[in-house]
PDB file of N, CA and C in Angstrom:
ATOM      1  N   MET A   1      48.254 121.998 117.563  1.00  0.00           N
ATOM      2  CA  MET A   1      49.232 123.163 117.759  1.00  0.00           C
ATOM      3  C   MET A   1      49.688 124.005 116.662  1.00  0.00           C
ATOM      4  N   SER A   2      49.846 123.198 115.564  1.00  0.00           N
ATOM      5  CA  SER A   2      50.357 124.129 114.303  1.00  0.00           C
ATOM      6  C   SER A   2      49.056 125.042 113.759  1.00  0.00           C
ATOM      7  N   SER A   3      48.057 124.647 114.056  1.00  0.00           N
ATOM      8  CA  SER A   3      46.908 125.411 113.490  1.00  0.00           C
ATOM      9  C   SER A   3      46.544 126.568 114.160  1.00  0.00           C
ATOM     10  N   SER A   4      47.047 126.620 115.514  1.00  0.00           N
ATOM     11  CA  SER A   4      46.938 127.781 116.368  1.00  0.00           C
ATOM     12  C   SER A   4      48.043 128.856 115.955  1.00  0.00           C
ATOM     13  N   ARG A   5      49.377 128.343 115.633  1.00  0.00           N
ATOM     14  CA  ARG A   5      50.269 128.981 115.316  1.00  0.00           C
ATOM     15  C   ARG A   5      49.972 129.810 113.810  1.00  0.00           C
ATOM     16  N   LEU A   6      49.351 129.051 113.035  1.00  0.00           N
ATOM     17  CA  LEU A   6      49.023 129.567 111.664  1.00  0.00           C
ATOM     18  C   LEU A   6      47.880 130.602 111.808  1.00  0.00           C
ATOM     19  N   GLY A   7      47.001 130.227 112.684  1.00  0.00           N
ATOM     20  CA  GLY A   7      45.958 131.351 112.864  1.00  0.00           C
ATOM     21  C   GLY A   7      46.460 132.535 113.507  1.00  0.00           C
ATOM     22  N   GLU A   8      47.377 132.501 114.450  1.00  0.00           N
ATOM     23  CA  GLU A   8      48.010 133.466 115.098  1.00  0.00           C
ATOM     24  C   GLU A   8      48.683 134.445 114.026  1.00  0.00           C
ATOM     25  N   ARG A   9      49.400 133.803 113.172  1.00  0.00           N
ATOM     26  CA  ARG A   9      50.199 134.457 112.171  1.00  0.00           C
ATOM     27  C   ARG A   9      49.373 135.121 111.205  1.00  0.00           C
ATOM     28  N   LEU A  10      48.173 134.405 110.813  1.00  0.00           N
ATOM     29  CA  LEU A  10      47.339 135.024 109.854  1.00  0.00           C
ATOM     30  C   LEU A  10      46.452 136.307 110.464  1.00  0.00           C
ATOM     31  N   ARG A  11      46.093 136.269 111.611  1.00  0.00           N
ATOM     32  CA  ARG A  11      45.674 137.518 112.444  1.00  0.00           C
ATOM     33  C   ARG A  11      46.515 138.601 112.481  1.00  0.00           C
ATOM     34  N   GLU A  12      47.852 138.227 112.855  1.00  0.00           N
ATOM     35  CA  GLU A  12      48.848 139.306 113.059  1.00  0.00           C
ATOM     36  C   GLU A  12      48.971 140.074 111.671  1.00  0.00           C
ATOM     37  N   VAL A  13      49.214 139.431 110.704  1.00  0.00           N
ATOM     38  CA  VAL A  13      49.526 140.088 109.301  1.00  0.00           C
ATOM     39  C   VAL A  13      48.265 140.822 108.906  1.00  0.00           C
ATOM     40  N   ARG A  14      47.068 140.238 109.038  1.00  0.00           N
ATOM     41  CA  ARG A  14      45.896 140.945 108.658  1.00  0.00           C
ATOM     42  C   ARG A  14      45.666 142.218 109.452  1.00  0.00           C
ATOM     43  N   GLU A  15      45.992 142.171 110.714  1.00  0.00           N
ATOM     44  CA  GLU A  15      45.687 143.262 111.504  1.00  0.00           C
ATOM     45  C   GLU A  15      46.646 144.426 111.326  1.00  0.00           C
ATOM     46  N   LEU A  16      47.948 144.006 111.011  1.00  0.00           N
ATOM     47  CA  LEU A  16      49.090 144.830 110.762  1.00  0.00           C
ATOM     48  C   LEU A  16      48.820 145.632 109.544  1.00  0.00           C
ATOM     49  N   LYS A  17      48.294 145.012 108.641  1.00  0.00           N
ATOM     50  CA  LYS A  17      47.910 145.653 107.343  1.00  0.00           C
ATOM     51  C   LYS A  17      46.608 146.414 107.591  1.00  0.00           C
ATOM     52  N   GLY A  18      46.040 146.366 108.632  1.00  0.00           N
ATOM     53  CA  GLY A  18      44.738 147.176 108.854  1.00  0.00           C
ATOM     54  C   GLY A  18      43.557 146.608 108.044  1.00  0.00           C
ATOM     55  N   LEU A  19      43.340 145.215 107.825  1.00  0.00           N
ATOM     56  CA  LEU A  19      42.513 144.690 106.853  1.00  0.00           C
ATOM     57  C   LEU A  19      41.442 143.959 107.668  1.00  0.00           C
ATOM     58  N   SER A  20      40.165 144.004 107.099  1.00  0.00           N
ATOM     59  CA  SER A  20      39.076 143.333 107.913  1.00  0.00           C
ATOM     60  C   SER A  20      39.080 141.911 107.383  1.00  0.00           C
ATOM     61  N   LEU A  21      38.370 141.030 108.085  1.00  0.00           N
ATOM     62  CA  LEU A  21      38.309 139.713 107.665  1.00  0.00           C
ATOM     63  C   LEU A  21      37.543 139.571 106.310  1.00  0.00           C
ATOM     64  N   ALA A  22      36.573 140.315 106.044  1.00  0.00           N
ATOM     65  CA  ALA A  22      35.909 140.283 104.751  1.00  0.00           C
ATOM     66  C   ALA A  22      36.877 140.665 103.581  1.00  0.00           C
ATOM     67  N   SER A  23      37.697 141.860 103.803  1.00  0.00           N
ATOM     68  CA  SER A  23      38.587 142.132 102.756  1.00  0.00           C
ATOM     69  C   SER A  23      39.662 141.368 102.498  1.00  0.00           C
ATOM     70  N   VAL A  24      39.964 140.354 103.460  1.00  0.00           N
ATOM     71  CA  VAL A  24      40.947 139.215 103.071  1.00  0.00           C
ATOM     72  C   VAL A  24      40.243 138.063 102.547  1.00  0.00           C
ATOM     73  N   ALA A  25      39.243 137.706 103.133  1.00  0.00           N
ATOM     74  CA  ALA A  25      38.575 136.641 102.639  1.00  0.00           C
ATOM     75  C   ALA A  25      37.944 136.676 101.234  1.00  0.00           C
ATOM     76  N   LYS A  26      37.430 137.699 100.786  1.00  0.00           N
ATOM     77  CA  LYS A  26      36.826 137.845  99.412  1.00  0.00           C
ATOM     78  C   LYS A  26      37.802 137.429  98.373  1.00  0.00           C
ATOM     79  N   PRO A  27      38.938 138.145  98.266  1.00  0.00           N
ATOM     80  CA  PRO A  27      39.895 138.097  97.313  1.00  0.00           C
ATOM     81  C   PRO A  27      40.738 136.550  97.300  1.00  0.00           C
ATOM     82  N   SER A  28      40.497 136.023  98.636  1.00  0.00           N
ATOM     83  CA  SER A  28      41.163 134.684  98.784  1.00  0.00           C
ATOM     84  C   SER A  28      40.162 133.494  98.560  1.00  0.00           C
ATOM     85  N   GLU A  29      39.009 133.884  98.094  1.00  0.00           N
ATOM     86  CA  GLU A  29      37.769 133.006  97.614  1.00  0.00           C
ATOM     87  C   GLU A  29      37.399 132.063  98.829  1.00  0.00           C
ATOM     88  N   MET A  30      37.172 132.683  99.958  1.00  0.00           N
ATOM     89  CA  MET A  30      36.632 131.880 101.154  1.00  0.00           C
ATOM     90  C   MET A  30      35.719 132.916 101.840  1.00  0.00           C
ATOM     91  N   SER A  31      34.883 132.348 102.686  1.00  0.00           N
ATOM     92  CA  SER A  31      34.044 133.177 103.616  1.00  0.00           C
ATOM     93  C   SER A  31      34.942 133.833 104.769  1.00  0.00           C
ATOM     94  N   ALA A  32      34.344 134.926 105.263  1.00  0.00           N
ATOM     95  CA  ALA A  32      34.975 135.543 106.300  1.00  0.00           C
ATOM     96  C   ALA A  32      34.849 134.618 107.620  1.00  0.00           C
ATOM     97  N   THR A  33      33.844 133.759 107.621  1.00  0.00           N
ATOM     98  CA  THR A  33      33.518 132.853 108.714  1.00  0.00           C
ATOM     99  C   THR A  33      34.678 131.745 108.821  1.00  0.00           C
ATOM    100  N   TYR A  34      35.131 131.253 107.470  1.00  0.00           N
ATOM    101  CA  TYR A  34      36.240 130.346 107.443  1.00  0.00           C
ATOM    102  C   TYR A  34      37.481 130.916 107.804  1.00  0.00           C
ATOM    103  N   LEU A  35      37.826 132.120 107.423  1.00  0.00           N
ATOM    104  CA  LEU A  35      39.016 132.838 107.761  1.00  0.00           C
ATOM    105  C   LEU A  35      39.058 133.079 109.079  1.00  0.00           C
ATOM    106  N   GLN A  36      38.005 133.340 109.828  1.00  0.00           N
ATOM    107  CA  GLN A  36      37.885 133.497 111.303  1.00  0.00           C
ATOM    108  C   GLN A  36      38.175 132.121 112.037  1.00  0.00           C
ATOM    109  N   LYS A  37      37.599 131.023 111.489  1.00  0.00           N
ATOM    110  CA  LYS A  37      37.943 129.631 112.107  1.00  0.00           C
ATOM    111  C   LYS A  37      39.365 129.415 111.759  1.00  0.00           C
ATOM    112  N   LEU A  38      39.953 129.807 110.628  1.00  0.00           N
ATOM    113  CA  LEU A  38      41.461 129.654 110.504  1.00  0.00           C
ATOM    114  C   LEU A  38      42.179 130.420 111.678  1.00  0.00           C
ATOM    115  N   GLU A  39      41.938 131.692 111.878  1.00  0.00           N
ATOM    116  CA  GLU A  39      42.595 132.419 112.756  1.00  0.00           C
ATOM    117  C   GLU A  39      42.510 132.011 114.218  1.00  0.00           C
ATOM    118  N   ARG A  40      41.298 131.487 114.510  1.00  0.00           N
ATOM    119  CA  ARG A  40      41.250 130.836 115.753  1.00  0.00           C
ATOM    120  C   ARG A  40      41.686 129.506 116.046  1.00  0.00           C
ATOM    121  N   GLY A  41      42.397 128.852 114.854  1.00  0.00           N
ATOM    122  CA  GLY A  41      42.932 127.697 114.941  1.00  0.00           C
ATOM    123  C   GLY A  41      42.036 126.550 115.135  1.00  0.00           C
ATOM    124  N   ASP A  42      40.880 126.802 114.491  1.00  0.00           N
ATOM    125  CA  ASP A  42      39.735 125.684 114.644  1.00  0.00           C
ATOM    126  C   ASP A  42      39.789 124.764 113.466  1.00  0.00           C
ATOM    127  N   VAL A  43      40.599 125.177 112.336  1.00  0.00           N
ATOM    128  CA  VAL A  43      40.623 124.139 111.160  1.00  0.00           C
ATOM    129  C   VAL A  43      41.977 123.577 111.281  1.00  0.00           C
ATOM    130  N   GLU A  44      42.016 122.088 111.408  1.00  0.00           N
ATOM    131  CA  GLU A  44      43.126 121.397 111.367  1.00  0.00           C
ATOM    132  C   GLU A  44      44.101 121.380 110.352  1.00  0.00           C
ATOM    133  N   SER A  45      43.280 121.120 109.204  1.00  0.00           N
ATOM    134  CA  SER A  45      44.288 120.941 107.991  1.00  0.00           C
ATOM    135  C   SER A  45      43.821 121.831 106.851  1.00  0.00           C
ATOM    136  N   PRO A  46      44.089 123.106 106.793  1.00  0.00           N
ATOM    137  CA  PRO A  46      43.626 123.849 105.768  1.00  0.00           C
ATOM    138  C   PRO A  46      44.262 123.348 104.374  1.00  0.00           C
ATOM    139  N   SER A  47      43.647 123.534 103.265  1.00  0.00           N
ATOM    140  CA  SER A  47      44.160 122.923 101.989  1.00  0.00           C
ATOM    141  C   SER A  47      45.313 124.003 101.579  1.00  0.00           C
ATOM    142  N   PRO A  48      46.134 123.326 100.856  1.00  0.00           N
ATOM    143  CA  PRO A  48      47.305 124.107 100.222  1.00  0.00           C
ATOM    144  C   PRO A  48      46.755 125.165  99.259  1.00  0.00           C
ATOM    145  N   HIS A  49      45.791 124.912  98.616  1.00  0.00           N
ATOM    146  CA  HIS A  49      45.057 125.846  97.683  1.00  0.00           C
ATOM    147  C   HIS A  49      44.497 127.039  98.507  1.00  0.00           C
ATOM    148  N   ARG A  50      43.956 127.059  99.717  1.00  0.00           N
ATOM    149  CA  ARG A  50      43.542 128.088 100.447  1.00  0.00           C
ATOM    150  C   ARG A  50      44.594 128.958 100.996  1.00  0.00           C
ATOM    151  N   LEU A  51      45.587 128.093 101.361  1.00  0.00           N
ATOM    152  CA  LEU A  51      46.930 128.913 102.117  1.00  0.00           C
ATOM    153  C   LEU A  51      47.553 129.516 100.810  1.00  0.00           C
ATOM    154  N   TYR A  52      47.661 129.155  99.828  1.00  0.00           N
ATOM    155  CA  TYR A  52      48.148 129.911  98.650  1.00  0.00           C
ATOM    156  C   TYR A  52      47.378 131.104  98.209  1.00  0.00           C
ATOM    157  N   LYS A  53      46.119 131.143  98.241  1.00  0.00           N
ATOM    158  CA  LYS A  53      45.258 132.147  98.051  1.00  0.00           C
ATOM    159  C   LYS A  53      45.415 133.092  99.125  1.00  0.00           C
ATOM    160  N   LEU A  54      45.550 132.985 100.436  1.00  0.00           N
ATOM    161  CA  LEU A  54      45.930 133.827 101.634  1.00  0.00           C
ATOM    162  C   LEU A  54      47.148 134.463 101.424  1.00  0.00           C
ATOM    163  N   SER A  55      48.231 133.429 101.117  1.00  0.00           N
ATOM    164  CA  SER A  55      49.588 134.119 100.897  1.00  0.00           C
ATOM    165  C   SER A  55      49.569 135.243  99.831  1.00  0.00           C
ATOM    166  N   THR A  56      48.892 135.050  98.746  1.00  0.00           N
ATOM    167  CA  THR A  56      48.826 136.052  97.564  1.00  0.00           C
ATOM    168  C   THR A  56      48.121 137.304  98.188  1.00  0.00           C
ATOM    169  N   THR A  57      46.967 137.113  98.753  1.00  0.00           N
ATOM    170  CA  THR A  57      46.120 138.328  99.294  1.00  0.00           C
ATOM    171  C   THR A  57      46.883 138.965 100.295  1.00  0.00           C
ATOM    172  N   LEU A  58      47.550 138.360 101.405  1.00  0.00           N
ATOM    173  CA  LEU A  58      48.261 139.082 102.531  1.00  0.00           C
ATOM    174  C   LEU A  58      49.689 139.504 102.034  1.00  0.00           C
ATOM    175  N   GLY A  59      50.268 138.903 100.822  1.00  0.00           N
ATOM    176  CA  GLY A  59      51.679 139.298 100.624  1.00  0.00           C
ATOM    177  C   GLY A  59      52.595 138.437 101.701  1.00  0.00           C
ATOM    178  N   VAL A  60      52.305 137.387 101.937  1.00  0.00           N
ATOM    179  CA  VAL A  60      53.233 136.470 102.880  1.00  0.00           C
ATOM    180  C   VAL A  60      53.788 135.318 102.103  1.00  0.00           C
ATOM    181  N   ASP A  61      54.644 134.631 102.618  1.00  0.00           N
ATOM    182  CA  ASP A  61      55.230 133.671 101.995  1.00  0.00           C
ATOM    183  C   ASP A  61      54.525 132.339 102.022  1.00  0.00           C
ATOM    184  N   TYR A  62      54.249 131.813 100.944  1.00  0.00           N
ATOM    185  CA  TYR A  62      53.448 130.423 100.802  1.00  0.00           C
ATOM    186  C   TYR A  62      53.966 129.477 101.584  1.00  0.00           C
ATOM    187  N   GLY A  63      55.347 129.257 101.643  1.00  0.00           N
ATOM    188  CA  GLY A  63      56.112 128.241 102.400  1.00  0.00           C
ATOM    189  C   GLY A  63      55.893 128.392 103.936  1.00  0.00           C
ATOM    190  N   ASP A  64      55.859 129.559 104.297  1.00  0.00           N
ATOM    191  CA  ASP A  64      55.715 129.976 105.752  1.00  0.00           C
ATOM    192  C   ASP A  64      54.512 129.389 106.067  1.00  0.00           C
ATOM    193  N   LEU A  65      53.365 129.913 105.431  1.00  0.00           N
ATOM    194  CA  LEU A  65      52.054 129.249 105.842  1.00  0.00           C
ATOM    195  C   LEU A  65      51.920 127.931 105.736  1.00  0.00           C
ATOM    196  N   MET A  66      52.346 127.191 104.714  1.00  0.00           N
ATOM    197  CA  MET A  66      52.282 125.670 104.616  1.00  0.00           C
ATOM    198  C   MET A  66      52.976 125.155 105.836  1.00  0.00           C
ATOM    199  N   GLN A  67      54.145 125.747 106.136  1.00  0.00           N
ATOM    200  CA  GLN A  67      54.921 125.185 107.418  1.00  0.00           C
ATOM    201  C   GLN A  67      54.192 125.262 108.732  1.00  0.00           C
ATOM    202  N   LEU A  68      53.568 126.422 108.898  1.00  0.00           N
ATOM    203  CA  LEU A  68      52.783 126.726 109.973  1.00  0.00           C
ATOM    204  C   LEU A  68      51.554 125.898 110.084  1.00  0.00           C
ATOM    205  N   ALA A  69      50.997 125.307 108.931  1.00  0.00           N
ATOM    206  CA  ALA A  69      49.890 124.523 109.039  1.00  0.00           C
ATOM    207  C   ALA A  69      50.259 123.183 109.077  1.00  0.00           C
ATOM    208  N   GLY A  70      51.519 122.824 109.240  1.00  0.00           N
ATOM    209  CA  GLY A  70      51.936 121.430 109.653  1.00  0.00           C
ATOM    210  C   GLY A  70      52.468 120.670 108.338  1.00  0.00           C
ATOM    211  N   TYR A  71      52.557 121.373 107.030  1.00  0.00           N
ATOM    212  CA  TYR A  71      52.887 120.727 106.171  1.00  0.00           C
ATOM    213  C   TYR A  71      54.438 120.712 105.914  1.00  0.00           C
ATOM    214  N   VAL A  72      55.056 119.679 105.312  1.00  0.00           N
ATOM    215  CA  VAL A  72      56.414 119.608 105.215  1.00  0.00           C
ATOM    216  C   VAL A  72      56.982 120.281 103.999  1.00  0.00           C
ATOM    217  N   VAL A  73      57.730 121.222 103.994  1.00  0.00           N
ATOM    218  CA  VAL A  73      58.267 122.258 102.967  1.00  0.00           C
ATOM    219  C   VAL A  73      59.533 122.360 102.977  1.00  0.00           C
ATOM    220  N   PRO A  74      60.276 121.560 101.985  1.00  0.00           N
ATOM    221  CA  PRO A  74      61.651 121.410 102.157  1.00  0.00           C
ATOM    222  C   PRO A  74      62.619 122.813 102.106  1.00  0.00           C
ATOM    223  N   ASP A  75      62.136 123.997 101.443  1.00  0.00           N
ATOM    224  CA  ASP A  75      62.893 125.110 101.547  1.00  0.00           C
ATOM    225  C   ASP A  75      62.717 125.862 102.823  1.00  0.00           C
ATOM    226  N   THR A  76      61.730 125.498 103.444  1.00  0.00           N
ATOM    227  CA  THR A  76      61.311 126.403 104.764  1.00  0.00           C
ATOM    228  C   THR A  76      61.664 125.547 105.872  1.00  0.00           C
ATOM    229  N   ALA A  77      61.994 124.377 105.804  1.00  0.00           N
ATOM    230  CA  ALA A  77      62.089 123.376 107.133  1.00  0.00           C
ATOM    231  C   ALA A  77      63.193 123.835 107.903  1.00  0.00           C
ATOM    232  N   SER A  78      64.151 124.436 107.367  1.00  0.00           N
ATOM    233  CA  SER A  78      65.228 124.733 108.381  1.00  0.00           C
ATOM    234  C   SER A  78      65.131 126.155 109.069  1.00  0.00           C
ATOM    235  N   ARG A  79      63.981 126.981 108.730  1.00  0.00           N
ATOM    236  CA  ARG A  79      63.650 128.211 109.223  1.00  0.00           C
ATOM    237  C   ARG A  79      63.292 127.986 110.750  1.00  0.00           C
ATOM    238  N   THR A  80      63.956 129.041 111.466  1.00  0.00           N
ATOM    239  CA  THR A  80      63.564 129.068 112.915  1.00  0.00           C
ATOM    240  C   THR A  80      62.393 129.809 113.249  1.00  0.00           C
ATOM    241  N   ASP A  81      61.826 129.742 114.272  1.00  0.00           N
ATOM    242  CA  ASP A  81      60.836 130.652 114.712  1.00  0.00           C
ATOM    243  C   ASP A  81      60.976 132.125 114.722  1.00  0.00           C
ATOM    244  N   GLU A  82      62.361 132.332 115.224  1.00  0.00           N
ATOM    245  CA  GLU A  82      62.784 133.762 115.109  1.00  0.00           C
ATOM    246  C   GLU A  82      62.895 134.254 113.717  1.00  0.00           C
ATOM    247  N   GLU A  83      63.176 133.488 112.751  1.00  0.00           N
ATOM    248  CA  GLU A  83      63.244 134.054 111.285  1.00  0.00           C
ATOM    249  C   GLU A  83      61.802 134.110 110.836  1.00  0.00           C
ATOM    250  N   SER A  84      60.855 133.438 111.163  1.00  0.00           N
ATOM    251  CA  SER A  84      59.434 133.681 110.828  1.00  0.00           C
ATOM    252  C   SER A  84      58.867 134.790 111.510  1.00  0.00           C
ATOM    253  N   GLU A  85      59.230 135.110 112.794  1.00  0.00           N
ATOM    254  CA  GLU A  85      58.911 136.322 113.449  1.00  0.00           C
ATOM    255  C   GLU A  85      59.376 137.609 112.621  1.00  0.00           C
ATOM    256  N   VAL A  86      60.594 137.724 111.970  1.00  0.00           N
ATOM    257  CA  VAL A  86      61.237 138.692 111.311  1.00  0.00           C
ATOM    258  C   VAL A  86      60.187 138.939 110.133  1.00  0.00           C
ATOM    259  N   ASN A  87      59.694 137.993 109.475  1.00  0.00           N
ATOM    260  CA  ASN A  87      58.758 138.183 108.300  1.00  0.00           C
ATOM    261  C   ASN A  87      57.601 138.883 108.927  1.00  0.00           C
ATOM    262  N   VAL A  88      56.971 138.738 110.121  1.00  0.00           N
ATOM    263  CA  VAL A  88      55.884 139.646 110.405  1.00  0.00           C
ATOM    264  C   VAL A  88      56.245 140.932 110.718  1.00  0.00           C
ATOM    265  N   LEU A  89      57.502 141.186 111.334  1.00  0.00           N
ATOM    266  CA  LEU A  89      57.863 142.558 111.323  1.00  0.00           C
ATOM    267  C   LEU A  89      57.898 143.237 109.739  1.00  0.00           C
ATOM    268  N   ALA A  90      58.449 142.317 108.905  1.00  0.00           N
ATOM    269  CA  ALA A  90      58.666 142.915 107.497  1.00  0.00           C
ATOM    270  C   ALA A  90      57.435 143.280 107.015  1.00  0.00           C
ATOM    271  N   GLN A  91      56.279 142.570 107.199  1.00  0.00           N
ATOM    272  CA  GLN A  91      54.952 142.687 106.751  1.00  0.00           C
ATOM    273  C   GLN A  91      54.439 144.117 107.286  1.00  0.00           C
ATOM    274  N   ALA A  92      54.745 144.488 108.780  1.00  0.00           N
ATOM    275  CA  ALA A  92      54.359 145.647 109.333  1.00  0.00           C
ATOM    276  C   ALA A  92      55.141 146.837 108.662  1.00  0.00           C
ATOM    277  N   LEU A  93      56.397 146.594 108.471  1.00  0.00           N
ATOM    278  CA  LEU A  93      57.284 147.662 107.929  1.00  0.00           C
ATOM    279  C   LEU A  93      56.911 147.994 106.363  1.00  0.00           C
ATOM    280  N   ASN A  94      56.538 147.107 105.618  1.00  0.00           N
ATOM    281  CA  ASN A  94      56.071 147.172 104.366  1.00  0.00           C
ATOM    282  C   ASN A  94      54.428 147.366 103.935  1.00  0.00           C
ATOM    283  N   ALA A  95      53.890 147.597 104.973  1.00  0.00           N
ATOM    284  CA  ALA A  95      52.369 147.840 104.947  1.00  0.00           C
ATOM    285  C   ALA A  95      52.286 149.140 103.908  1.00  0.00           C
ATOM    286  N   PRO A  96      51.207 149.015 103.102  1.00  0.00           N
ATOM    287  CA  PRO A  96      51.060 150.180 102.150  1.00  0.00           C
ATOM    288  C   PRO A  96      50.977 151.655 102.702  1.00  0.00           C
ATOM    289  N   GLU A  97      50.356 151.798 103.864  1.00  0.00           N
ATOM    290  CA  GLU A  97      50.172 153.130 104.609  1.00  0.00           C
ATOM    291  C   GLU A  97      51.635 153.545 105.292  1.00  0.00           C
ATOM    292  N   GLY A  98      52.508 152.566 105.252  1.00  0.00           N
ATOM    293  CA  GLY A  98      53.656 152.916 106.083  1.00  0.00           C
ATOM    294  C   GLY A  98      53.557 153.136 107.569  1.00  0.00           C
ATOM    295  N   LEU A  99      54.595 153.441 108.317  1.00  0.00           N
ATOM    296  CA  LEU A  99      54.525 153.705 109.711  1.00  0.00           C
ATOM    297  C   LEU A  99      54.362 155.333 109.732  1.00  0.00           C
ATOM    298  N   SER A 100      53.598 155.578 110.955  1.00  0.00           N
ATOM    299  CA  SER A 100      53.503 157.027 111.215  1.00  0.00           C
ATOM    300  C   SER A 100      54.727 157.335 112.082  1.00  0.00           C
ATOM    301  N   GLY A 101      55.033 158.696 112.238  1.00  0.00           N
ATOM    302  CA  GLY A 101      56.041 159.127 113.080  1.00  0.00           C
ATOM    303  C   GLY A 101      55.860 158.662 114.551  1.00  0.00           C
ATOM    304  N   ASP A 102      54.732 158.703 114.952  1.00  0.00           N
ATOM    305  CA  ASP A 102      54.540 158.022 116.382  1.00  0.00           C
ATOM    306  C   ASP A 102      54.866 156.597 116.510  1.00  0.00           C
ATOM    307  N   GLU A 103      54.720 155.658 115.399  1.00  0.00           N
ATOM    308  CA  GLU A 103      54.812 154.362 115.342  1.00  0.00           C
ATOM    309  C   GLU A 103      56.249 154.144 115.249  1.00  0.00           C
ATOM    310  N   VAL A 104      57.057 154.783 114.365  1.00  0.00           N
ATOM    311  CA  VAL A 104      58.444 154.835 114.459  1.00  0.00           C
ATOM    312  C   VAL A 104      59.178 155.094 115.599  1.00  0.00           C
ATOM    313  N   GLN A 105      58.695 156.069 116.434  1.00  0.00           N
ATOM    314  CA  GLN A 105      59.240 156.325 117.482  1.00  0.00           C
ATOM    315  C   GLN A 105      59.106 155.263 118.689  1.00  0.00           C
ATOM    316  N   ALA A 106      57.789 154.763 118.674  1.00  0.00           N
ATOM    317  CA  ALA A 106      57.444 153.657 119.595  1.00  0.00           C
ATOM    318  C   ALA A 106      58.302 152.515 119.336  1.00  0.00           C
ATOM    319  N   LEU A 107      58.470 151.999 118.134  1.00  0.00           N
ATOM    320  CA  LEU A 107      59.251 150.952 117.843  1.00  0.00           C
ATOM    321  C   LEU A 107      60.769 151.177 118.180  1.00  0.00           C
ATOM    322  N   ALA A 108      61.368 152.416 117.941  1.00  0.00           N
ATOM    323  CA  ALA A 108      62.626 152.647 118.371  1.00  0.00           C
ATOM    324  C   ALA A 108      62.828 152.633 119.872  1.00  0.00           C
ATOM    325  N   GLU A 109      61.936 153.085 120.698  1.00  0.00           N
ATOM    326  CA  GLU A 109      62.056 153.116 122.085  1.00  0.00           C
ATOM    327  C   GLU A 109      61.757 151.644 122.432  1.00  0.00           C
ATOM    328  N   TYR A 110      60.891 150.776 121.947  1.00  0.00           N
ATOM    329  CA  TYR A 110      60.821 149.464 122.395  1.00  0.00           C
ATOM    330  C   TYR A 110      61.939 148.628 121.948  1.00  0.00           C
ATOM    331  N   LEU A 111      62.780 148.779 120.898  1.00  0.00           N
ATOM    332  CA  LEU A 111      63.820 148.078 120.424  1.00  0.00           C
ATOM    333  C   LEU A 111      65.030 148.312 121.538  1.00  0.00           C
ATOM    334  N   ALA A 112      65.044 149.743 121.913  1.00  0.00           N
ATOM    335  CA  ALA A 112      66.072 150.232 122.797  1.00  0.00           C
ATOM    336  C   ALA A 112      65.935 149.354 124.295  1.00  0.00           C
ATOM    337  N   PHE A 113      64.602 149.352 124.601  1.00  0.00           N
ATOM    338  CA  PHE A 113      64.134 148.619 125.854  1.00  0.00           C
ATOM    339  C   PHE A 113      64.575 147.107 125.737  1.00  0.00           C
ATOM    340  N   ILE A 114      64.325 146.438 124.631  1.00  0.00           N
ATOM    341  CA  ILE A 114      64.670 145.008 124.543  1.00  0.00           C
ATOM    342  C   ILE A 114      66.001 144.695 124.709  1.00  0.00           C
ATOM    343  N   ARG A 115      66.752 145.571 123.820  1.00  0.00           N
ATOM    344  CA  ARG A 115      68.324 145.456 123.867  1.00  0.00           C
ATOM    345  C   ARG A 115      68.849 145.665 125.112  1.00  0.00           C
ATOM    346  N   GLN A 116      68.383 146.645 125.992  1.00  0.00           N
ATOM    347  CA  GLN A 116      68.934 147.002 127.217  1.00  0.00           C
ATOM    348  C   GLN A 116      68.654 145.828 128.183  1.00  0.00           C
ATOM    349  N   ARG A 117      67.449 145.382 128.142  1.00  0.00           N
ATOM    350  CA  ARG A 117      67.262 144.255 128.864  1.00  0.00           C
ATOM    351  C   ARG A 117      67.827 142.972 128.526  1.00  0.00           C
ATOM    352  N   LYS A 118      68.277 142.791 127.262  1.00  0.00           N
ATOM    353  CA  LYS A 118      69.043 141.587 126.749  1.00  0.00           C
ATOM    354  C   LYS A 118      70.615 141.733 127.506  1.00  0.00           C
ATOM    355  N   ALA A 119      71.196 142.995 127.340  1.00  0.00           N
ATOM    356  CA  ALA A 119      72.359 143.130 127.712  1.00  0.00           C
ATOM    357  C   ALA A 119      72.537 142.721 129.236  1.00  0.00           C
ATOM    358  N   ARG A 120      71.552 142.775 130.008  1.00  0.00           N
ATOM    359  CA  ARG A 120      71.585 142.615 131.528  1.00  0.00           C
ATOM    360  C   ARG A 120      72.122 141.092 131.843  1.00  0.00           C
TER     361      ARG A 120
END
């Protein structure tokens, strides 16, 4: 279960940043094939060393990746799934290319929709 959540998160962040498998794998010192297996949830226990390299390359919190991989991490153990989802949004908002005007408008409309639905 945790390997699929880790894989989903890795893929989300990579795609939000507009990066290819190869452009993440190489600086993370792994093959694109291995990264693809991680993203699919096919790797049950990725090494902390590999997770650290990915966290550095993708600019995500190492503790979050360790927790998603099923490791016990004291300072992130109390984080909720909702708090982790906020981190994914922060990644998108902090992408080097920024958000286009259309993306900002779409996010605003979607947020208004979610809030309206929640108010019902």
